[in-house]
N, C-alpha and C. Protein backbone atom coordinates (compact mmCIF):
# COMPACT_ATOMS: atom_id res chain seq x y z
N MET A 1 32.96 9.99 8.84
CA MET A 1 33.40 9.49 10.01
C MET A 1 34.42 9.95 10.79
N LYS A 2 34.55 10.75 11.53
CA LYS A 2 35.98 11.60 12.81
C LYS A 2 36.51 9.59 13.06
N SER A 3 37.55 10.08 13.34
CA SER A 3 38.57 9.08 14.16
C SER A 3 37.82 7.93 14.87
N PRO A 4 37.96 6.75 15.02
CA PRO A 4 39.31 6.14 14.46
C PRO A 4 39.18 5.67 12.69
N GLY A 5 38.05 5.81 12.30
CA GLY A 5 38.21 6.26 10.63
C GLY A 5 38.56 4.66 9.95
N VAL A 6 38.49 4.67 8.86
CA VAL A 6 39.35 3.28 8.31
C VAL A 6 40.25 2.47 9.28
N LEU A 7 40.66 2.79 9.91
CA LEU A 7 41.75 1.73 10.60
C LEU A 7 41.00 0.94 11.48
N LEU A 8 39.79 1.43 11.90
CA LEU A 8 39.02 0.49 12.94
C LEU A 8 38.08 -0.51 11.95
N PHE A 9 37.83 -0.50 10.71
CA PHE A 9 37.31 -1.44 9.65
C PHE A 9 38.56 -2.37 9.31
N SER A 10 39.54 -1.44 8.77
CA SER A 10 41.05 -2.51 8.77
C SER A 10 41.21 -3.57 9.13
N ALA A 11 41.39 -3.19 10.40
CA ALA A 11 41.77 -3.89 11.41
C ALA A 11 41.32 -5.64 11.73
N PRO A 12 40.07 -4.98 11.30
CA PRO A 12 39.02 -6.85 11.94
C PRO A 12 39.11 -7.93 10.68
N LEU A 13 39.58 -7.03 9.53
CA LEU A 13 39.55 -7.62 8.10
C LEU A 13 40.85 -8.46 8.13
N PHE A 14 41.72 -7.24 8.40
CA PHE A 14 43.78 -7.89 8.63
C PHE A 14 43.51 -9.46 9.34
N PHE A 15 42.57 -8.78 10.58
CA PHE A 15 42.37 -10.19 11.70
C PHE A 15 42.04 -11.40 11.17
N SER A 16 40.63 -11.13 9.91
CA SER A 16 40.23 -12.26 9.63
C SER A 16 41.26 -13.18 8.10
N GLY A 17 41.97 -11.80 7.81
CA GLY A 17 42.54 -12.48 6.84
C GLY A 17 43.75 -13.24 7.30
N TYR A 18 43.83 -13.41 8.37
CA TYR A 18 44.89 -14.26 9.11
C TYR A 18 44.56 -15.62 9.21
N GLY A 19 43.37 -15.38 9.49
CA GLY A 19 42.69 -16.85 9.45
C GLY A 19 42.58 -17.11 8.54
N VAL A 20 41.89 -16.60 7.34
CA VAL A 20 41.89 -17.67 5.93
C VAL A 20 43.25 -17.98 5.88
N ILE A 21 44.52 -17.33 5.51
CA ILE A 21 45.62 -18.03 5.24
C ILE A 21 46.05 -19.20 6.20
N ARG A 22 46.08 -19.23 7.33
CA ARG A 22 46.00 -20.43 7.98
C ARG A 22 45.31 -21.13 7.77
N LEU A 23 44.14 -21.06 7.70
CA LEU A 23 43.55 -22.21 7.04
C LEU A 23 43.88 -22.72 5.74
N PHE A 24 44.59 -21.87 4.49
CA PHE A 24 45.10 -22.59 3.64
C PHE A 24 46.41 -23.41 4.18
N GLY A 25 46.87 -22.41 4.80
CA GLY A 25 48.34 -23.24 4.97
C GLY A 25 48.05 -24.52 5.69
N LEU A 26 47.10 -24.92 6.24
CA LEU A 26 47.21 -26.14 7.37
C LEU A 26 46.18 -27.12 6.62
N ALA A 27 45.86 -26.68 4.98
CA ALA A 27 44.98 -27.66 4.27
C ALA A 27 45.90 -28.85 3.88
N ASP A 28 47.20 -27.99 3.41
CA ASP A 28 48.31 -29.03 2.97
C ASP A 28 49.14 -29.90 4.03
N GLY A 29 48.97 -29.71 5.02
CA GLY A 29 49.86 -30.56 6.10
C GLY A 29 50.73 -30.01 6.67
N HIS A 30 51.33 -29.02 5.60
CA HIS A 30 52.59 -28.55 6.12
C HIS A 30 53.19 -26.79 6.35
N TYR A 31 51.90 -26.67 7.80
CA TYR A 31 51.73 -25.14 8.21
C TYR A 31 52.84 -24.96 9.19
N GLY A 32 53.97 -23.97 8.33
CA GLY A 32 54.92 -23.74 9.37
C GLY A 32 56.46 -24.33 9.49
N PRO A 33 57.39 -23.65 9.58
CA PRO A 33 57.62 -22.51 8.84
C PRO A 33 57.28 -22.32 7.41
N GLY A 34 57.07 -21.77 6.78
CA GLY A 34 57.04 -21.21 5.57
C GLY A 34 56.36 -20.23 5.36
N ILE A 35 56.62 -19.87 3.53
CA ILE A 35 55.46 -18.55 3.00
C ILE A 35 54.40 -18.45 3.48
N ASP A 36 53.47 -19.55 3.83
CA ASP A 36 52.35 -19.78 4.31
C ASP A 36 52.00 -18.87 5.96
N TRP A 37 53.10 -19.74 6.51
CA TRP A 37 52.92 -19.00 7.96
C TRP A 37 53.30 -17.46 7.80
N GLN A 38 54.20 -17.71 7.28
CA GLN A 38 54.86 -15.99 7.54
C GLN A 38 53.70 -14.88 7.09
N ALA A 39 53.23 -15.39 5.92
CA ALA A 39 51.98 -14.22 5.12
C ALA A 39 50.89 -14.44 6.39
N ALA A 40 50.90 -15.48 6.81
CA ALA A 40 49.85 -15.40 7.99
C ALA A 40 49.66 -14.86 8.80
N HIS A 41 51.13 -15.01 9.79
CA HIS A 41 51.66 -14.15 10.60
C HIS A 41 51.74 -12.78 10.54
N ILE A 42 52.03 -12.18 9.44
CA ILE A 42 52.21 -10.93 8.82
C ILE A 42 51.28 -10.32 8.84
N VAL A 43 50.09 -10.62 8.25
CA VAL A 43 48.56 -9.96 7.68
C VAL A 43 48.38 -9.37 9.58
N GLY A 44 48.20 -10.64 9.83
CA GLY A 44 47.72 -11.24 11.92
C GLY A 44 48.25 -10.01 12.19
N LEU A 45 49.73 -9.46 12.24
CA LEU A 45 50.53 -8.29 12.55
C LEU A 45 50.30 -7.17 12.07
N ILE A 46 49.96 -7.34 11.11
CA ILE A 46 49.74 -5.78 10.48
C ILE A 46 48.55 -5.09 11.11
N GLY A 47 47.08 -6.07 11.05
CA GLY A 47 45.61 -6.07 11.72
C GLY A 47 46.37 -6.17 13.07
N MET A 48 46.99 -6.25 14.00
CA MET A 48 46.77 -5.95 15.55
C MET A 48 47.88 -4.64 15.49
N VAL A 49 48.22 -4.20 14.82
CA VAL A 49 49.01 -2.79 14.75
C VAL A 49 48.13 -1.61 14.47
N LEU A 50 47.46 -2.00 13.51
CA LEU A 50 46.01 -1.12 12.90
C LEU A 50 45.15 -0.88 14.23
N PHE A 51 44.57 -2.23 15.06
CA PHE A 51 44.16 -1.78 16.02
C PHE A 51 44.70 -0.03 17.20
N VAL A 52 46.19 -0.64 17.44
CA VAL A 52 46.34 0.65 18.22
C VAL A 52 46.00 2.31 17.89
N PRO A 53 45.39 2.45 16.63
CA PRO A 53 45.05 3.87 16.40
C PRO A 53 44.09 3.43 16.41
N ALA A 54 43.16 2.40 16.78
CA ALA A 54 41.64 1.76 16.27
C ALA A 54 40.83 2.23 17.69
N VAL A 55 41.75 1.61 18.75
CA VAL A 55 41.35 1.80 20.19
C VAL A 55 41.51 3.20 20.86
N LEU A 56 42.82 3.87 20.08
CA LEU A 56 42.71 4.83 20.58
C LEU A 56 41.32 5.90 20.05
N GLY A 57 41.47 5.67 18.87
CA GLY A 57 39.82 6.46 18.19
C GLY A 57 38.69 6.05 18.58
N LEU A 58 38.35 5.08 19.23
CA LEU A 58 37.17 4.62 19.84
C LEU A 58 37.14 5.38 21.83
N GLU A 59 38.37 5.39 21.89
CA GLU A 59 38.13 6.21 22.91
C GLU A 59 38.19 7.86 23.28
N ARG A 60 38.58 8.39 22.08
CA ARG A 60 37.72 9.80 21.71
C ARG A 60 36.47 9.65 21.56
N LEU A 61 35.92 8.73 20.63
CA LEU A 61 34.38 8.89 20.84
C LEU A 61 33.77 8.53 22.72
N LEU A 62 34.19 7.96 23.34
CA LEU A 62 33.92 8.21 24.47
C LEU A 62 33.72 9.37 25.61
N PRO A 63 32.87 9.67 26.48
CA PRO A 63 32.58 10.74 27.43
C PRO A 63 33.92 10.72 28.08
N HIS A 64 34.60 12.21 28.60
CA HIS A 64 36.08 11.35 29.64
C HIS A 64 35.60 11.05 30.78
N SER A 65 36.52 9.51 31.46
CA SER A 65 35.73 9.18 32.53
C SER A 65 36.86 8.49 32.69
N LYS A 66 37.14 7.47 34.02
CA LYS A 66 38.42 6.59 34.41
C LYS A 66 37.97 5.67 33.75
N TRP A 67 36.87 5.20 33.99
CA TRP A 67 36.28 3.45 33.67
C TRP A 67 37.13 3.46 32.16
N GLY A 68 36.74 4.58 31.23
CA GLY A 68 37.18 4.99 30.11
C GLY A 68 38.65 4.41 29.35
N MET A 69 39.23 5.66 30.19
CA MET A 69 40.70 5.94 30.16
C MET A 69 41.23 4.05 30.83
N GLY A 70 40.63 3.55 31.91
CA GLY A 70 41.28 2.34 32.47
C GLY A 70 41.37 1.53 31.35
N THR A 71 39.86 1.26 30.38
CA THR A 71 39.51 0.59 29.35
C THR A 71 40.57 0.68 28.33
N VAL A 72 40.51 1.25 28.13
CA VAL A 72 41.71 1.73 26.80
C VAL A 72 43.03 1.17 27.14
N ILE A 73 43.91 1.49 28.55
CA ILE A 73 45.17 1.21 29.05
C ILE A 73 44.85 -0.59 29.03
N VAL A 74 44.02 -1.17 29.47
CA VAL A 74 43.90 -2.83 29.37
C VAL A 74 43.61 -3.14 28.40
N THR A 75 42.95 -2.98 27.32
CA THR A 75 43.16 -3.07 26.33
C THR A 75 44.40 -3.21 25.63
N LEU A 76 45.05 -1.73 25.42
CA LEU A 76 46.28 -1.55 25.09
C LEU A 76 47.87 -2.34 25.15
N THR A 77 47.28 -2.54 26.28
CA THR A 77 48.28 -3.66 27.13
C THR A 77 48.31 -4.97 27.01
N GLY A 78 47.14 -5.28 26.47
CA GLY A 78 46.78 -6.23 26.21
C GLY A 78 46.97 -6.60 24.64
N LEU A 79 47.09 -5.74 24.02
CA LEU A 79 47.48 -5.29 22.41
C LEU A 79 48.55 -5.44 22.35
N ALA A 80 49.39 -5.11 23.36
CA ALA A 80 50.93 -5.05 22.97
C ALA A 80 51.41 -6.66 23.48
N ALA A 81 50.98 -7.44 24.50
CA ALA A 81 51.19 -8.74 24.27
C ALA A 81 50.68 -9.24 22.87
N THR A 82 49.91 -8.96 22.40
CA THR A 82 49.45 -10.32 21.45
C THR A 82 50.47 -9.57 20.16
N ILE A 83 50.78 -7.96 19.84
CA ILE A 83 51.86 -8.11 18.97
C ILE A 83 52.96 -8.61 19.45
N VAL A 84 53.33 -8.94 20.56
CA VAL A 84 54.70 -9.00 20.68
C VAL A 84 54.76 -10.92 20.59
N GLN A 85 53.41 -11.23 20.65
CA GLN A 85 53.43 -12.69 20.18
C GLN A 85 53.32 -12.85 18.87
N PHE A 86 52.88 -12.37 18.02
CA PHE A 86 52.84 -12.58 16.71
C PHE A 86 54.21 -12.07 15.76
N GLY A 87 54.66 -11.28 16.38
CA GLY A 87 56.38 -10.50 15.75
C GLY A 87 57.18 -11.98 16.10
N ALA A 88 57.02 -12.82 17.65
CA ALA A 88 57.36 -13.25 17.86
C ALA A 88 57.68 -14.78 16.77
N ASP A 89 56.05 -15.28 16.51
CA ASP A 89 56.23 -16.18 15.62
C ASP A 89 57.09 -16.21 14.25
N VAL A 90 57.05 -14.65 14.02
CA VAL A 90 57.32 -14.53 12.68
C VAL A 90 59.37 -14.55 12.45
N VAL A 91 59.68 -14.10 13.72
CA VAL A 91 60.97 -14.08 14.33
C VAL A 91 61.14 -15.77 14.04
N PHE A 92 60.42 -16.49 15.14
CA PHE A 92 61.07 -17.76 15.08
C PHE A 92 60.88 -18.86 13.79
N ALA A 93 60.17 -18.68 13.39
CA ALA A 93 60.18 -18.97 11.72
C ALA A 93 60.90 -18.38 10.79
N ALA A 94 61.18 -17.65 10.85
CA ALA A 94 62.44 -16.93 9.72
C ALA A 94 63.69 -17.61 10.25
N MET A 95 63.63 -17.86 11.79
CA MET A 95 64.84 -18.53 12.30
C MET A 95 65.07 -20.01 12.11
N ALA A 96 63.91 -21.09 11.71
CA ALA A 96 63.90 -22.26 12.21
C ALA A 96 64.50 -23.03 10.85
N ALA A 97 64.37 -24.29 11.13
CA ALA A 97 64.91 -25.15 9.58
C ALA A 97 63.81 -25.97 9.59
N ASP A 98 62.57 -26.34 10.71
CA ASP A 98 62.00 -26.56 9.89
C ASP A 98 61.22 -26.73 11.69
N ARG A 99 59.32 -27.58 11.29
CA ARG A 99 58.66 -27.21 12.63
C ARG A 99 59.30 -27.25 13.96
N ALA A 100 59.55 -28.76 14.46
CA ALA A 100 60.23 -29.01 14.89
C ALA A 100 61.10 -28.18 15.54
N ASP A 101 62.19 -27.33 15.04
CA ASP A 101 62.92 -26.45 15.43
C ASP A 101 62.28 -24.85 16.19
N MET A 102 61.36 -24.80 15.00
CA MET A 102 60.45 -23.47 15.52
C MET A 102 59.55 -24.13 16.98
N SER A 103 59.14 -24.78 17.10
CA SER A 103 58.79 -25.34 18.35
C SER A 103 59.54 -25.26 19.33
N ARG A 104 61.01 -25.75 18.83
CA ARG A 104 61.69 -25.37 20.64
C ARG A 104 62.49 -24.10 20.34
N LEU A 105 62.23 -23.35 19.59
CA LEU A 105 62.40 -22.08 19.62
C LEU A 105 61.57 -20.90 20.49
N SER A 106 59.79 -21.50 20.36
CA SER A 106 59.15 -21.38 20.33
C SER A 106 59.13 -21.45 22.52
N ARG A 107 59.60 -22.79 23.09
CA ARG A 107 59.74 -22.99 23.85
C ARG A 107 60.21 -22.91 24.39
N GLU A 108 61.72 -22.30 23.89
CA GLU A 108 62.71 -21.15 24.66
C GLU A 108 62.24 -20.28 25.34
N PHE A 109 61.33 -19.15 24.42
CA PHE A 109 61.03 -17.89 24.01
C PHE A 109 59.89 -18.11 25.88
N SER A 110 59.00 -19.05 25.71
CA SER A 110 57.81 -19.31 26.99
C SER A 110 58.49 -19.19 28.15
N ALA A 111 59.48 -20.31 28.04
CA ALA A 111 60.45 -20.71 29.29
C ALA A 111 60.90 -19.56 30.30
N VAL A 112 61.25 -18.53 29.63
CA VAL A 112 61.84 -17.08 29.92
C VAL A 112 61.10 -16.84 30.87
N PRO A 113 61.19 -16.65 32.42
CA PRO A 113 60.01 -16.51 33.43
C PRO A 113 59.66 -15.21 33.26
N GLY A 114 57.73 -15.43 32.96
CA GLY A 114 57.07 -14.12 32.92
C GLY A 114 56.49 -14.03 31.99
N VAL A 115 57.47 -14.62 30.42
CA VAL A 115 57.10 -14.29 28.83
C VAL A 115 55.58 -15.23 28.72
N ARG A 116 55.22 -16.43 29.45
CA ARG A 116 54.22 -17.20 29.02
C ARG A 116 52.99 -16.39 29.62
N LEU A 117 53.03 -16.40 30.71
CA LEU A 117 51.89 -15.04 31.54
C LEU A 117 51.83 -13.93 31.01
N ALA A 118 52.86 -13.42 30.89
CA ALA A 118 52.73 -11.51 30.35
C ALA A 118 52.18 -11.94 28.66
N PHE A 119 52.71 -13.05 27.66
CA PHE A 119 52.26 -13.03 26.36
C PHE A 119 51.62 -14.00 25.87
N TYR A 120 51.45 -14.65 26.60
CA TYR A 120 50.82 -15.84 26.09
C TYR A 120 49.22 -16.24 27.15
N GLU A 121 49.01 -15.88 28.32
CA GLU A 121 48.14 -16.55 29.35
C GLU A 121 47.52 -15.65 29.64
N VAL A 122 48.20 -14.28 29.86
CA VAL A 122 47.09 -12.87 30.79
C VAL A 122 46.79 -11.90 29.46
N GLY A 123 48.26 -11.73 28.94
CA GLY A 123 48.05 -10.26 27.88
C GLY A 123 47.16 -10.19 26.68
N PRO A 124 47.36 -11.39 25.80
CA PRO A 124 45.94 -11.13 25.03
C PRO A 124 44.73 -11.08 25.08
N PRO A 125 44.04 -11.97 26.10
CA PRO A 125 42.89 -11.59 26.46
C PRO A 125 42.30 -10.65 26.96
N LEU A 126 43.60 -9.94 27.48
CA LEU A 126 42.60 -8.74 27.95
C LEU A 126 41.97 -7.39 26.66
N PHE A 127 43.03 -8.03 25.51
CA PHE A 127 42.83 -7.31 25.09
C PHE A 127 40.95 -7.23 24.41
N PHE A 128 41.32 -8.63 23.82
CA PHE A 128 39.71 -8.80 23.49
C PHE A 128 38.81 -8.40 24.87
N LEU A 129 39.18 -8.94 26.08
CA LEU A 129 37.86 -7.91 26.96
C LEU A 129 37.82 -6.84 26.90
N GLY A 130 39.24 -6.31 26.45
CA GLY A 130 38.97 -4.37 26.65
C GLY A 130 38.26 -4.04 25.73
N LEU A 131 38.29 -5.36 24.53
CA LEU A 131 37.05 -4.73 23.13
C LEU A 131 35.99 -4.60 23.69
N ILE A 132 35.57 -5.88 24.56
CA ILE A 132 34.18 -6.13 25.00
C ILE A 132 33.40 -5.06 25.95
N VAL A 133 34.40 -4.48 26.75
CA VAL A 133 34.09 -3.24 27.39
C VAL A 133 34.02 -2.16 26.73
N LEU A 134 34.95 -1.61 25.92
CA LEU A 134 34.86 -0.70 25.01
C LEU A 134 33.42 -0.36 24.52
N THR A 135 32.97 -1.61 23.34
CA THR A 135 31.82 -1.54 23.05
C THR A 135 30.12 -1.39 23.89
N VAL A 136 30.66 -1.80 25.33
CA VAL A 136 29.58 -1.96 25.91
C VAL A 136 29.55 0.22 26.56
N LEU A 137 30.76 0.61 26.71
CA LEU A 137 30.79 2.09 26.96
C LEU A 137 30.35 2.64 25.82
N LEU A 138 30.22 2.27 24.85
CA LEU A 138 29.87 2.64 23.34
C LEU A 138 28.49 2.97 23.86
N VAL A 139 28.34 1.62 23.85
CA VAL A 139 26.77 2.31 23.90
C VAL A 139 25.77 2.63 25.30
N ARG A 140 26.97 2.67 26.12
CA ARG A 140 26.14 3.91 27.29
C ARG A 140 26.15 5.23 26.87
N ALA A 141 27.43 5.13 25.91
CA ALA A 141 27.50 6.70 25.16
C ALA A 141 26.10 7.08 23.76
N GLY A 142 25.70 6.11 23.96
CA GLY A 142 24.61 6.38 22.60
C GLY A 142 25.33 5.75 21.28
N ARG A 143 26.73 5.45 20.55
CA ARG A 143 27.07 5.27 19.97
C ARG A 143 27.32 3.46 19.24
N LEU A 144 27.20 3.01 20.05
CA LEU A 144 26.68 2.09 19.46
C LEU A 144 25.16 1.37 19.65
N PRO A 145 24.67 0.48 18.93
CA PRO A 145 23.16 -0.41 19.33
C PRO A 145 23.43 -1.40 20.48
N TRP A 146 22.54 -1.81 21.17
CA TRP A 146 22.92 -2.38 22.03
C TRP A 146 23.14 -3.99 21.79
N TRP A 147 22.97 -4.15 20.56
CA TRP A 147 24.08 -5.96 20.74
C TRP A 147 24.76 -6.10 19.88
N SER A 148 25.89 -4.65 19.69
CA SER A 148 27.20 -4.90 19.62
C SER A 148 27.92 -5.36 20.62
N PRO A 149 28.23 -5.54 22.14
CA PRO A 149 28.67 -5.66 22.96
C PRO A 149 28.48 -7.39 22.69
N VAL A 150 27.11 -7.93 22.44
CA VAL A 150 27.08 -9.63 22.16
C VAL A 150 27.88 -9.73 21.00
N VAL A 151 27.70 -9.03 19.65
CA VAL A 151 28.28 -9.82 18.81
C VAL A 151 29.66 -9.70 19.05
N MET A 152 30.34 -9.01 19.81
CA MET A 152 31.59 -8.84 20.23
C MET A 152 32.19 -9.17 20.78
N ALA A 153 31.33 -9.70 21.70
CA ALA A 153 31.74 -11.07 22.70
C ALA A 153 31.68 -12.54 22.41
N VAL A 154 30.60 -12.45 21.40
CA VAL A 154 30.71 -14.27 21.06
C VAL A 154 32.75 -14.02 19.75
N SER A 155 32.41 -12.53 19.16
CA SER A 155 33.09 -12.51 18.12
C SER A 155 35.02 -13.09 18.66
N THR A 156 35.29 -12.39 19.98
CA THR A 156 36.14 -12.83 20.67
C THR A 156 36.83 -13.74 21.36
N MET A 157 35.83 -14.14 22.29
CA MET A 157 35.32 -15.79 22.52
C MET A 157 36.12 -17.05 22.03
N ALA A 158 34.85 -16.42 20.60
CA ALA A 158 35.28 -18.19 19.81
C ALA A 158 36.43 -18.58 19.83
N PRO A 159 37.56 -17.70 19.02
CA PRO A 159 38.46 -18.14 19.01
C PRO A 159 39.34 -18.75 19.31
N MET A 160 38.89 -18.79 21.09
CA MET A 160 39.68 -19.21 22.55
C MET A 160 39.29 -20.53 22.29
N LEU A 161 38.17 -20.88 21.57
CA LEU A 161 37.54 -22.26 21.65
C LEU A 161 38.09 -22.75 20.44
N THR A 162 38.56 -22.46 19.59
CA THR A 162 39.29 -22.94 18.07
C THR A 162 39.76 -21.86 17.68
N LEU A 163 41.39 -21.62 17.04
CA LEU A 163 41.39 -20.82 15.97
C LEU A 163 41.04 -21.61 14.60
N ASP A 164 39.88 -21.83 14.27
CA ASP A 164 39.41 -21.68 12.85
C ASP A 164 38.79 -20.83 12.82
N VAL A 165 37.73 -20.20 14.00
CA VAL A 165 37.06 -19.75 13.34
C VAL A 165 37.39 -18.40 13.67
N ILE A 166 38.61 -18.22 13.41
CA ILE A 166 39.09 -16.62 13.46
C ILE A 166 38.50 -15.48 12.29
N PRO A 167 38.44 -16.35 11.09
CA PRO A 167 38.26 -15.59 9.93
C PRO A 167 36.39 -15.00 10.33
N LEU A 168 35.95 -15.49 10.82
CA LEU A 168 34.21 -15.27 11.12
C LEU A 168 34.24 -14.47 11.99
N ALA A 169 35.12 -14.48 13.31
CA ALA A 169 35.22 -13.98 14.32
C ALA A 169 35.88 -12.35 14.33
N GLY A 170 36.96 -12.16 12.86
CA GLY A 170 37.08 -10.85 12.48
C GLY A 170 35.97 -10.38 11.78
N VAL A 171 34.97 -10.84 11.04
CA VAL A 171 33.82 -10.41 10.64
C VAL A 171 32.84 -9.72 11.37
N GLY A 172 32.86 -10.62 12.83
CA GLY A 172 32.21 -10.64 13.38
C GLY A 172 32.54 -9.38 14.25
N ILE A 173 33.94 -9.24 14.73
CA ILE A 173 34.48 -7.59 15.83
C ILE A 173 33.50 -7.08 14.49
N LEU A 174 34.35 -6.36 13.44
CA LEU A 174 33.70 -5.58 12.08
C LEU A 174 32.33 -5.15 12.28
N ALA A 175 31.50 -6.53 12.71
CA ALA A 175 30.14 -6.05 12.40
C ALA A 175 29.86 -5.51 13.94
N SER A 176 30.32 -5.83 14.72
CA SER A 176 29.72 -4.81 16.35
C SER A 176 30.30 -3.51 16.12
N LEU A 177 31.04 -3.09 15.41
CA LEU A 177 31.23 -1.61 15.36
C LEU A 177 30.73 -0.69 13.96
N VAL A 178 30.00 -1.66 13.25
CA VAL A 178 29.09 -1.19 11.79
C VAL A 178 28.13 -0.23 12.60
N GLY A 179 27.61 -0.20 13.11
CA GLY A 179 26.49 0.70 13.89
C GLY A 179 27.59 2.08 14.46
N LEU A 180 28.58 2.16 14.54
CA LEU A 180 29.67 3.40 15.10
C LEU A 180 29.63 4.42 13.99
N ARG A 181 29.20 4.20 12.58
CA ARG A 181 30.10 5.31 11.40
C ARG A 181 28.28 5.44 11.52
N ARG A 182 27.02 4.85 11.58
CA ARG A 182 25.71 5.74 11.83
C ARG A 182 25.44 6.36 13.11
N SER A 183 26.02 6.20 13.63
CA SER A 183 25.98 6.75 15.36
C SER A 183 26.60 8.10 14.91
N ALA A 184 28.08 7.94 14.48
CA ALA A 184 28.79 9.01 14.46
C ALA A 184 28.44 10.01 13.60
N ASP A 185 27.77 9.66 11.95
CA ASP A 185 27.16 10.33 11.47
C ASP A 185 25.92 11.01 11.67
N ARG A 186 25.10 10.44 12.71
CA ARG A 186 24.10 11.11 13.00
C ARG A 186 24.11 12.28 14.07
N SER A 187 25.63 12.20 14.79
CA SER A 187 25.53 13.35 15.73
C SER A 187 26.43 14.20 15.08
N GLU A 188 26.66 13.75 13.72
CA GLU A 188 27.49 14.79 13.70
C GLU A 188 26.81 15.91 13.05
N ALA A 189 25.23 15.17 12.05
CA ALA A 189 24.45 16.09 11.31
C ALA A 189 23.57 16.53 12.22
N SER A 190 23.25 16.33 13.41
CA SER A 190 22.93 17.17 14.58
C SER A 190 23.49 18.22 15.50
N SER A 191 24.67 18.56 14.48
CA SER A 191 25.18 19.42 15.27
C SER A 191 24.99 21.03 15.27
N PRO A 192 24.39 21.89 15.58
CA PRO A 192 24.31 22.70 14.92
C PRO A 192 25.34 24.17 14.40
N VAL A 193 26.82 23.73 14.65
CA VAL A 193 27.78 24.28 13.81
C VAL A 193 28.11 23.54 12.49
N LEU A 194 28.01 22.34 12.25
CA LEU A 194 27.91 21.23 11.05
C LEU A 194 26.85 21.71 10.25
N ARG A 195 25.34 21.90 10.71
CA ARG A 195 24.26 22.63 9.56
C ARG A 195 24.44 23.68 9.57
N ALA A 196 25.21 24.68 10.49
CA ALA A 196 25.20 26.35 9.76
C ALA A 196 26.10 26.28 8.50
N SER A 197 27.53 25.18 8.69
CA SER A 197 28.51 25.60 7.72
C SER A 197 27.90 24.53 6.70
N ALA A 198 26.99 23.98 6.12
CA ALA A 198 26.96 22.74 5.02
C ALA A 198 26.90 23.88 4.33
């Protein structure tokens, strides 16, 4: 498979990993700050960073259009906000003496004008909305099956109701893109140039 390749499939798994570690951390009633909090958020941060080349790779699989380019810009904007949010959580946990101190640092950061709107309320949802629209565009381009946007929508919207479903949400995002590999393989197999060089 051409780009986005393995990064596209690794990113959702890291997102799931964040959710799994988070649930383990919550199980003992002492989640954050600490090793479990940092491990969860660092894994989540890696997943978000991996989504950057993955999204750019998805854009290369689309026919050139203003819709595609605009969707990628919106998706990356939301992704940048999500990366800042994860990064802030890691930094605040490292600085805090206890959970109350960590909450105080987070509140102070959110109180900066524009921060809550950009990095918590509007920014991150743009990332997930962008993923949904990208899957719709990939369906129209013949790169994904019709059900992919449905699975993507359910997977990205469910964590808005409860973060406890993040492990399943990551798997759902991965499942919604599994058909991309088969589609890309078929297009490569049908290429006269590739057949001639095989």
